[in-house]
Amino acid sequence: MGTILDYIREYGDYTFSEKPLNEVDSLVLCQFAYLKFDGIVSGAGEHGDAVSMGFLENHQDKDRLFADERYRENNMALFRGMLDSARFSTLRMNYYVNMIETDKETQFSAVTFFLEDGTIYVAYRGTDETIVGWKEDFNLAFSKPVTGQLRSVEYLNEVASEFEKPFFMGGHSKGGNFATYAAMNCKEGIRNRIVKIYNHDGPGFRPEIRKQGNYDEIAGKVVKIIPHSSLVGMLLESHAAGYMVVESRSFGLLQHDPYSWLVREDEFVRVKDIYKGRRFMDETLNEWILSLNEEQIHSFVDTLYEVVSASKAVTLIDFTADWKKSMMAVAAAFKGLDEETASMLKRIIASLFELAGERAREEIKSGFQGRSGEGKSRTEGNGQKRRGKHRVMKNKGRKEIQASEEHKDRK
């Protein structure tokens, strides 16, 4: 077993003519879409020529491709592996767009890949390192489409009009949601040419959004793949829905990282379902989100953004790099929130902080409990404080059960 990097080393000698595109290739291309092609690959509507891997390799601004610090080392290894392989060295790309519209709370990027056997793959980038990008993930809870989803449809209608062949599409994280939304809502003639839509651990949709689109027409083409402990991919997703669960070498939110997904030969290592503890947490969060009206959702998402923004961080890297400073600012921002909202916010922010490491998570958890207990003692009295402590212990117990389940499943 290995990762997508090992897959490229082992299967890189096969061309796509010899072995057609598969689920692992899809993730490779979706991860490659995270590279910063700004100023290197022609944009949609510019009618420029597709560029080759060799062009990227020799470009004077090649280092700029790896500006996303979350994946920098692995992305460099991915690029080198693809360049040295027969399978991906002939890859060409075109129609690149990258928009960050802070005023519209939108982060949107996409690129189209052309493989040597004539296969075309439209890839939507997932959530980047910006806090705006992460806010848009939670804006998906609204009953109206977010700007990024609308941009995904515009992109597909424009780009797919440039060729007549059937094509694949997909994305990782929010990119998977955008790919599915675009397929649901694009022009009928374009939708009929879609072969498959790969959603790699991307959020689902509110029931209203599914009904507004043509989801039933594309449902059979959607391949949703999530890791063993999925959080992002299970947002607004039903456990009754069809999805493939894959093994990861990481734990918790770190499983969202495509480089952690395990591959055996030319497919992912499958498991039966996500962890029971994570499933309970996913269902609780989704039930709570769907119980809110539009005004309450706006309030929740804005509050989440304000709480995270209290750290003065612009990117998730900043947010977790100086995690002690961020934790103090976030904990202070919790004061005055009602208990239910604060509880949900803590779950989400604790998941973001999983990127900061085990020791950081323990200190952050202690900080949250200390600050929230301090605030409650001033406003709710000793009785409420005792009940709050009981809830903390209950939640701690659930986390310990989940950790135990993950450990047993891995054994």
Protein backbone atom coordinates (compact mmCIF):
# COMPACT_ATOMS: atom_id res chain seq x y z
CA MET A 1 0.00 0.00 0.00
CA GLY A 2 1.07 3.56 -0.66
CA THR A 3 -0.21 7.00 -1.59
CA ILE A 4 -0.84 8.79 -4.88
CA LEU A 5 2.90 9.52 -5.02
CA ASP A 6 3.65 5.79 -4.85
CA TYR A 7 0.95 5.14 -7.44
CA ILE A 8 2.68 7.45 -9.93
CA ARG A 9 6.00 5.67 -9.35
CA GLU A 10 4.44 2.22 -9.80
CA TYR A 11 2.00 2.92 -12.65
CA GLY A 12 3.73 5.86 -14.28
CA ASP A 13 5.08 3.70 -17.10
CA TYR A 14 1.54 2.99 -18.35
CA THR A 15 0.05 5.54 -20.71
CA PHE A 16 -3.65 6.38 -20.57
CA SER A 17 -4.03 4.55 -23.89
CA GLU A 18 -2.83 1.40 -22.11
CA LYS A 19 -4.72 1.97 -18.84
CA PRO A 20 -7.65 4.43 -19.01
CA LEU A 21 -8.30 7.06 -16.35
CA ASN A 22 -9.32 5.65 -12.96
CA GLU A 23 -10.32 6.93 -9.50
CA VAL A 24 -6.70 7.40 -8.37
CA ASP A 25 -5.83 9.37 -11.52
CA SER A 26 -8.80 11.60 -10.73
CA LEU A 27 -7.40 12.45 -7.30
CA VAL A 28 -3.95 13.08 -8.82
CA LEU A 29 -5.44 15.61 -11.24
CA CYS A 30 -7.62 17.23 -8.57
CA GLN A 31 -4.58 17.66 -6.32
CA PHE A 32 -2.56 19.00 -9.26
CA ALA A 33 -5.28 21.64 -9.67
CA TYR A 34 -4.12 23.17 -6.35
CA LEU A 35 -0.94 24.42 -8.05
CA LYS A 36 -0.90 28.19 -8.65
CA PHE A 37 -0.97 28.45 -12.45
CA ASP A 38 -1.54 32.24 -12.38
CA GLY A 39 0.27 33.96 -15.26
CA ILE A 40 1.47 30.60 -16.64
CA VAL A 41 -1.64 28.83 -17.99
CA SER A 42 -4.05 30.70 -20.29
CA GLY A 43 -7.36 31.70 -18.81
CA ALA A 44 -10.88 30.79 -19.92
CA GLY A 45 -11.96 33.07 -22.73
CA GLU A 46 -8.38 34.03 -23.67
CA HIS A 47 -8.22 31.47 -26.51
CA GLY A 48 -4.61 30.65 -25.64
CA ASP A 49 -2.87 27.37 -26.37
CA ALA A 50 -2.78 24.56 -23.83
CA VAL A 51 0.58 24.36 -22.04
CA SER A 52 2.62 21.23 -21.43
CA MET A 53 4.34 19.83 -18.35
CA GLY A 54 7.65 20.73 -19.98
CA PHE A 55 6.50 24.33 -20.32
CA LEU A 56 5.76 24.43 -16.58
CA GLU A 57 9.14 22.87 -15.79
CA ASN A 58 11.05 25.50 -17.77
CA HIS A 59 8.97 28.52 -16.82
CA GLN A 60 10.84 31.27 -15.00
CA ASP A 61 8.09 31.46 -12.36
CA LYS A 62 7.89 27.71 -11.75
CA ASP A 63 8.45 28.10 -8.00
CA ARG A 64 5.24 30.10 -7.79
CA LEU A 65 3.32 26.94 -8.64
CA PHE A 66 4.02 25.66 -5.13
CA ALA A 67 2.92 28.73 -3.16
CA ASP A 68 0.33 26.79 -1.13
CA GLU A 69 2.39 26.01 1.97
CA ARG A 70 0.00 23.28 3.15
CA TYR A 71 1.06 20.99 0.32
CA ARG A 72 4.32 22.56 -0.84
CA GLU A 73 6.69 19.59 -0.42
CA ASN A 74 4.19 16.98 -1.55
CA ASN A 75 3.06 19.10 -4.50
CA MET A 76 6.68 19.46 -5.62
CA ALA A 77 7.07 15.67 -5.38
CA LEU A 78 3.80 15.22 -7.26
CA PHE A 79 4.93 17.53 -10.06
CA ARG A 80 8.30 15.80 -10.35
CA GLY A 81 6.70 12.35 -10.36
CA MET A 82 4.19 13.34 -13.04
CA LEU A 83 6.88 14.98 -15.17
CA ASP A 84 9.08 11.87 -15.03
CA SER A 85 6.24 9.45 -15.86
CA ALA A 86 4.99 8.34 -19.26
CA ARG A 87 1.45 8.57 -17.89
CA PHE A 88 1.40 12.27 -16.98
CA SER A 89 4.43 13.81 -18.74
CA THR A 90 2.32 14.52 -21.84
CA LEU A 91 -0.41 16.23 -19.82
CA ARG A 92 -1.54 19.61 -21.16
CA MET A 93 -3.69 22.22 -19.42
CA ASN A 94 -5.76 25.26 -20.38
CA TYR A 95 -8.65 27.53 -19.32
CA TYR A 96 -7.29 28.33 -15.85
CA VAL A 97 -9.22 30.69 -13.60
CA ASN A 98 -8.51 31.77 -10.03
CA MET A 99 -10.75 34.26 -8.22
CA ILE A 100 -10.76 35.38 -4.60
CA GLU A 101 -13.60 37.83 -4.04
CA THR A 102 -13.52 38.75 -0.37
CA ASP A 103 -16.57 41.01 -0.63
CA LYS A 104 -18.59 38.09 -2.03
CA GLU A 105 -16.95 35.58 0.33
CA THR A 106 -15.86 33.57 -2.70
CA GLN A 107 -12.77 31.56 -3.59
CA PHE A 108 -13.05 29.83 -6.96
CA SER A 109 -10.49 28.17 -9.21
CA ALA A 110 -10.62 25.63 -12.03
CA VAL A 111 -8.45 24.26 -14.83
CA THR A 112 -9.01 21.79 -17.68
CA PHE A 113 -6.59 18.93 -18.37
CA PHE A 114 -6.02 17.15 -21.69
CA LEU A 115 -4.55 13.61 -21.51
CA GLU A 116 -2.53 11.84 -24.21
CA ASP A 117 -5.35 9.43 -25.14
CA GLY A 118 -7.72 12.34 -25.81
CA THR A 119 -9.44 12.20 -22.40
CA ILE A 120 -10.51 15.60 -21.06
CA TYR A 121 -10.80 16.31 -17.31
CA VAL A 122 -12.35 19.51 -15.89
CA ALA A 123 -10.92 20.02 -12.38
CA TYR A 124 -12.24 22.36 -9.71
CA ARG A 125 -9.84 23.43 -6.96
CA GLY A 126 -10.94 22.80 -3.41
CA THR A 127 -10.71 25.12 -0.44
CA ASP A 128 -7.41 26.95 -0.52
CA GLU A 129 -5.48 28.29 2.46
CA THR A 130 -7.55 31.50 2.79
CA ILE A 131 -10.01 31.97 5.65
CA VAL A 132 -12.48 33.32 3.04
CA GLY A 133 -12.30 29.95 1.31
CA TRP A 134 -13.18 28.11 4.51
CA LYS A 135 -16.08 30.48 5.20
CA GLU A 136 -17.52 29.67 1.79
CA ASP A 137 -17.55 25.98 2.76
CA PHE A 138 -20.01 26.79 5.52
CA ASN A 139 -21.97 29.18 3.31
CA LEU A 140 -23.04 26.02 1.50
CA ALA A 141 -25.53 25.56 4.35
CA PHE A 142 -27.68 28.31 2.82
CA SER A 143 -30.75 27.41 0.73
CA LYS A 144 -29.45 29.63 -2.09
CA PRO A 145 -26.39 28.78 -4.22
CA VAL A 146 -23.15 30.45 -3.17
CA THR A 147 -21.23 32.58 -5.67
CA GLY A 148 -18.59 29.88 -6.18
CA GLN A 149 -21.25 27.38 -7.24
CA LEU A 150 -22.64 29.85 -9.77
CA ARG A 151 -19.10 30.47 -11.05
CA SER A 152 -18.63 26.71 -11.49
CA VAL A 153 -21.62 26.54 -13.85
CA GLU A 154 -20.44 29.55 -15.85
CA TYR A 155 -16.98 28.00 -16.17
CA LEU A 156 -18.29 24.62 -17.37
CA ASN A 157 -20.69 26.14 -19.90
CA GLU A 158 -17.91 28.30 -21.33
CA VAL A 159 -15.09 25.75 -21.39
CA ALA A 160 -17.10 22.69 -22.52
CA SER A 161 -18.31 24.73 -25.49
CA GLU A 162 -14.70 24.75 -26.72
CA PHE A 163 -14.75 20.99 -27.45
CA GLU A 164 -17.32 18.40 -28.47
CA LYS A 165 -15.99 15.24 -26.85
CA PRO A 166 -17.31 13.46 -23.73
CA PHE A 167 -15.33 14.43 -20.63
CA PHE A 168 -14.69 13.72 -16.95
CA MET A 169 -14.86 16.27 -14.16
CA GLY A 170 -14.20 16.43 -10.44
CA GLY A 171 -12.59 18.12 -7.50
CA HIS A 172 -11.27 17.65 -3.99
CA SER A 173 -13.00 19.23 -0.97
CA LYS A 174 -15.19 22.15 -2.01
CA GLY A 175 -14.03 21.50 -5.59
CA GLY A 176 -15.97 18.22 -5.51
CA ASN A 177 -19.11 20.11 -4.51
CA PHE A 178 -18.55 22.67 -7.29
CA ALA A 179 -18.03 19.92 -9.89
CA THR A 180 -21.27 18.21 -8.88
CA TYR A 181 -23.20 21.49 -8.77
CA ALA A 182 -21.91 22.49 -12.21
CA ALA A 183 -22.95 19.13 -13.65
CA MET A 184 -26.42 19.52 -12.14
CA ASN A 185 -26.99 22.97 -13.57
CA CYS A 186 -25.04 23.25 -16.83
CA LYS A 187 -26.60 23.25 -20.28
CA GLU A 188 -28.33 19.98 -21.13
CA GLY A 189 -26.13 19.26 -24.16
CA ILE A 190 -23.02 19.62 -22.00
CA ARG A 191 -24.49 17.56 -19.16
CA ASN A 192 -25.18 14.69 -21.57
CA ARG A 193 -21.46 14.54 -22.48
CA ILE A 194 -20.27 14.06 -18.89
CA VAL A 195 -18.82 10.57 -18.33
CA LYS A 196 -18.20 10.74 -14.54
CA ILE A 197 -18.10 13.31 -11.76
CA TYR A 198 -15.57 12.61 -9.00
CA ASN A 199 -16.27 14.23 -5.65
CA HIS A 200 -13.24 13.63 -3.43
CA ASP A 201 -14.37 14.39 0.16
CA GLY A 202 -16.41 17.43 -0.87
CA PRO A 203 -19.51 18.69 1.00
CA GLY A 204 -23.00 17.65 -0.05
CA PHE A 205 -26.04 19.85 -0.66
CA ARG A 206 -29.11 21.06 1.14
CA PRO A 207 -32.25 19.25 -0.10
CA GLU A 208 -33.49 22.50 -1.67
CA ILE A 209 -30.33 22.84 -3.78
CA ARG A 210 -30.66 19.28 -5.09
CA LYS A 211 -34.28 19.88 -6.08
CA GLN A 212 -33.44 23.14 -7.85
CA GLY A 213 -30.87 21.36 -10.04
CA ASN A 214 -30.98 18.21 -12.13
CA TYR A 215 -29.31 15.97 -9.59
CA ASP A 216 -31.36 12.89 -10.46
CA GLU A 217 -30.06 13.10 -14.04
CA ILE A 218 -26.41 12.92 -12.95
CA ALA A 219 -26.70 10.83 -9.76
CA GLY A 220 -25.54 7.68 -11.56
CA LYS A 221 -22.41 9.46 -12.78
CA VAL A 222 -21.31 10.81 -9.38
CA VAL A 223 -18.48 8.95 -7.64
CA LYS A 224 -18.17 10.27 -4.10
CA ILE A 225 -15.07 9.17 -2.20
CA ILE A 226 -14.46 10.01 1.46
CA PRO A 227 -11.82 8.97 4.01
CA HIS A 228 -12.46 6.87 7.11
CA SER A 229 -12.98 9.87 9.39
CA SER A 230 -14.59 12.36 7.03
CA LEU A 231 -15.90 15.70 8.30
CA VAL A 232 -15.84 17.99 5.25
CA GLY A 233 -17.21 15.33 2.90
CA MET A 234 -20.10 14.56 5.24
CA LEU A 235 -21.28 18.16 5.64
CA LEU A 236 -24.87 18.20 4.33
CA GLU A 237 -24.46 14.60 3.23
CA SER A 238 -26.77 11.75 4.20
CA HIS A 239 -25.33 8.48 5.46
CA ALA A 240 -27.98 6.81 3.33
CA ALA A 241 -26.33 8.28 0.22
CA GLY A 242 -23.95 6.21 -1.84
CA TYR A 243 -20.26 6.87 -1.27
CA MET A 244 -16.99 4.99 -1.21
CA VAL A 245 -14.99 5.03 2.04
CA VAL A 246 -11.22 4.75 1.76
CA GLU A 247 -8.44 4.13 4.24
CA SER A 248 -6.03 6.86 5.28
CA ARG A 249 -2.72 6.80 7.08
CA SER A 250 -3.78 9.85 9.15
CA PHE A 251 -6.41 10.56 11.81
CA GLY A 252 -9.23 13.07 12.21
CA LEU A 253 -9.38 16.08 9.91
CA LEU A 254 -5.88 15.27 8.65
CA GLN A 255 -7.52 12.50 6.60
CA HIS A 256 -8.90 15.27 4.36
CA ASP A 257 -5.37 15.54 2.94
CA PRO A 258 -5.32 13.63 -0.40
CA TYR A 259 -1.72 12.61 0.23
CA SER A 260 -2.88 10.51 3.20
CA TRP A 261 -5.27 8.29 1.21
CA LEU A 262 -4.00 4.74 0.78
CA VAL A 263 -3.72 3.12 -2.64
CA ARG A 264 -3.27 -0.54 -3.51
CA GLU A 265 -2.24 -1.14 -7.12
CA ASP A 266 -4.52 1.17 -9.17
CA GLU A 267 -7.38 1.74 -6.72
CA PHE A 268 -7.99 3.08 -3.23
CA VAL A 269 -7.96 0.81 -0.21
CA ARG A 270 -11.63 0.51 0.71
CA VAL A 271 -13.22 0.14 4.16
CA LYS A 272 -16.85 -0.52 5.12
CA ASP A 273 -17.88 2.86 6.51
CA ILE A 274 -16.65 5.89 8.40
CA TYR A 275 -15.90 5.60 12.11
CA LYS A 276 -18.97 5.34 14.36
CA GLY A 277 -17.85 8.23 16.54
CA ARG A 278 -17.34 10.50 13.52
CA ARG A 279 -20.67 9.38 12.08
CA PHE A 280 -22.45 10.48 15.26
CA MET A 281 -20.72 13.86 15.19
CA ASP A 282 -21.49 14.34 11.46
CA GLU A 283 -25.16 13.51 11.94
CA THR A 284 -25.45 15.82 14.95
CA LEU A 285 -23.88 18.74 13.07
CA ASN A 286 -26.01 18.19 9.95
CA GLU A 287 -29.24 17.87 11.92
CA TRP A 288 -28.45 21.10 13.74
CA ILE A 289 -27.59 22.99 10.53
CA LEU A 290 -30.75 21.81 8.75
CA SER A 291 -32.88 22.82 11.75
CA LEU A 292 -31.86 26.49 11.39
CA ASN A 293 -33.76 29.02 9.34
CA GLU A 294 -31.99 31.32 6.85
CA GLU A 295 -31.49 34.11 9.39
CA GLN A 296 -30.02 31.73 11.97
CA ILE A 297 -27.66 30.22 9.38
CA HIS A 298 -26.43 33.69 8.42
CA SER A 299 -25.85 34.46 12.08
CA PHE A 300 -24.00 31.18 12.68
CA VAL A 301 -21.68 31.46 9.66
CA ASP A 302 -20.97 35.14 10.33
CA THR A 303 -20.23 34.34 13.97
CA LEU A 304 -17.89 31.51 12.96
CA TYR A 305 -16.06 33.88 10.62
CA GLU A 306 -15.86 36.60 13.27
CA VAL A 307 -14.56 34.16 15.89
CA VAL A 308 -11.83 32.85 13.57
CA SER A 309 -11.07 36.37 12.29
CA ALA A 310 -10.51 37.48 15.88
CA SER A 311 -7.10 35.84 15.52
CA LYS A 312 -6.24 38.38 12.75
CA ALA A 313 -5.22 35.45 10.55
CA VAL A 314 -5.74 35.76 6.79
CA THR A 315 -4.98 32.13 5.93
CA LEU A 316 -5.44 28.81 7.69
CA ILE A 317 -1.65 28.55 7.79
CA ASP A 318 -1.50 31.76 9.84
CA PHE A 319 -4.38 30.54 12.00
CA THR A 320 -2.63 27.32 13.03
CA ALA A 321 0.99 28.54 12.92
CA ASP A 322 0.65 30.85 15.91
CA TRP A 323 -2.01 28.67 17.49
CA LYS A 324 -1.52 29.94 21.06
CA LYS A 325 -2.29 33.51 20.03
CA SER A 326 -5.18 32.31 17.84
CA MET A 327 -6.62 30.17 20.63
CA MET A 328 -6.60 33.08 23.10
CA ALA A 329 -8.33 35.39 20.61
CA VAL A 330 -10.90 32.74 19.66
CA ALA A 331 -11.66 31.79 23.26
CA ALA A 332 -12.24 35.45 24.14
CA ALA A 333 -14.61 35.79 21.19
CA PHE A 334 -16.79 32.98 22.57
CA LYS A 335 -17.99 35.15 25.44
CA GLY A 336 -21.60 36.15 25.06
CA LEU A 337 -22.54 33.32 22.68
CA ASP A 338 -25.43 31.04 23.57
CA GLU A 339 -24.40 27.57 24.67
CA GLU A 340 -25.65 25.63 21.62
CA THR A 341 -23.96 27.95 19.10
CA ALA A 342 -20.74 27.96 21.13
CA SER A 343 -20.78 24.15 21.26
CA MET A 344 -21.05 23.79 17.48
CA LEU A 345 -18.41 26.45 16.87
CA LYS A 346 -16.00 24.68 19.21
CA ARG A 347 -16.39 21.42 17.30
CA ILE A 348 -15.64 23.09 13.99
CA ILE A 349 -12.72 25.18 15.23
CA ALA A 350 -11.24 22.21 17.11
CA SER A 351 -11.31 20.33 13.79
CA LEU A 352 -9.42 23.17 12.08
CA PHE A 353 -6.89 23.13 14.91
CA GLU A 354 -6.24 19.42 14.34
CA LEU A 355 -3.78 20.68 11.75
CA ALA A 356 -1.75 22.17 14.60
CA GLY A 357 -0.81 18.80 16.11
CA GLU A 358 -1.77 16.68 19.11
CA ARG A 359 -0.12 18.80 21.79
CA ALA A 360 -1.72 21.96 20.45
CA ARG A 361 -5.15 20.31 20.42
CA GLU A 362 -4.87 19.32 24.07
CA GLU A 363 -3.89 22.84 25.16
CA ILE A 364 -6.58 24.36 22.95
CA LYS A 365 -9.20 22.05 24.45
CA SER A 366 -8.08 23.05 27.94
CA GLY A 367 -8.18 26.71 26.97
CA PHE A 368 -11.70 26.41 25.58
CA GLN A 369 -12.95 24.64 28.69
CA GLY A 370 -11.27 27.14 31.01
CA ARG A 371 -12.53 30.23 29.19
CA SER A 372 -16.06 28.93 28.68
CA GLY A 373 -16.25 27.79 32.31
CA GLU A 374 -15.04 31.19 33.47
CA GLY A 375 -17.72 32.97 31.42
CA LYS A 376 -20.52 30.66 32.57
CA SER A 377 -19.64 31.09 36.27
CA ARG A 378 -20.34 34.79 36.01
CA THR A 379 -23.71 34.44 34.28
CA GLU A 380 -25.26 31.08 35.05
CA GLY A 381 -24.44 30.27 38.66
CA ASN A 382 -22.97 27.18 40.21
CA GLY A 383 -25.79 24.86 39.14
CA GLN A 384 -25.33 25.67 35.46
CA LYS A 385 -21.58 25.36 35.90
CA ARG A 386 -21.94 21.83 37.25
CA ARG A 387 -24.18 20.86 34.34
CA GLY A 388 -21.67 22.42 31.92
CA LYS A 389 -18.89 20.33 33.47
CA HIS A 390 -21.03 17.23 33.04
CA ARG A 391 -21.49 18.02 29.34
CA VAL A 392 -17.75 18.55 28.90
CA MET A 393 -17.05 15.16 30.48
CA LYS A 394 -19.71 13.57 28.28
CA ASN A 395 -18.20 15.09 25.14
CA LYS A 396 -14.72 14.03 26.29
CA GLY A 397 -16.05 10.51 26.69
CA ARG A 398 -17.40 10.54 23.16
CA LYS A 399 -14.02 11.68 21.82
CA GLU A 400 -12.26 8.91 23.76
CA ILE A 401 -14.71 6.36 22.34
CA GLN A 402 -14.06 7.65 18.83
CA ALA A 403 -10.29 7.46 19.31
CA SER A 404 -10.66 3.93 20.64
CA GLU A 405 -12.80 2.93 17.63
CA GLU A 406 -10.23 4.35 15.22
CA HIS A 407 -7.43 2.47 17.00
CA LYS A 408 -9.36 -0.82 16.97
CA ASP A 409 -10.35 -0.48 13.31
CA ARG A 410 -6.74 0.13 12.33
CA LYS A 411 -5.60 -2.95 14.23
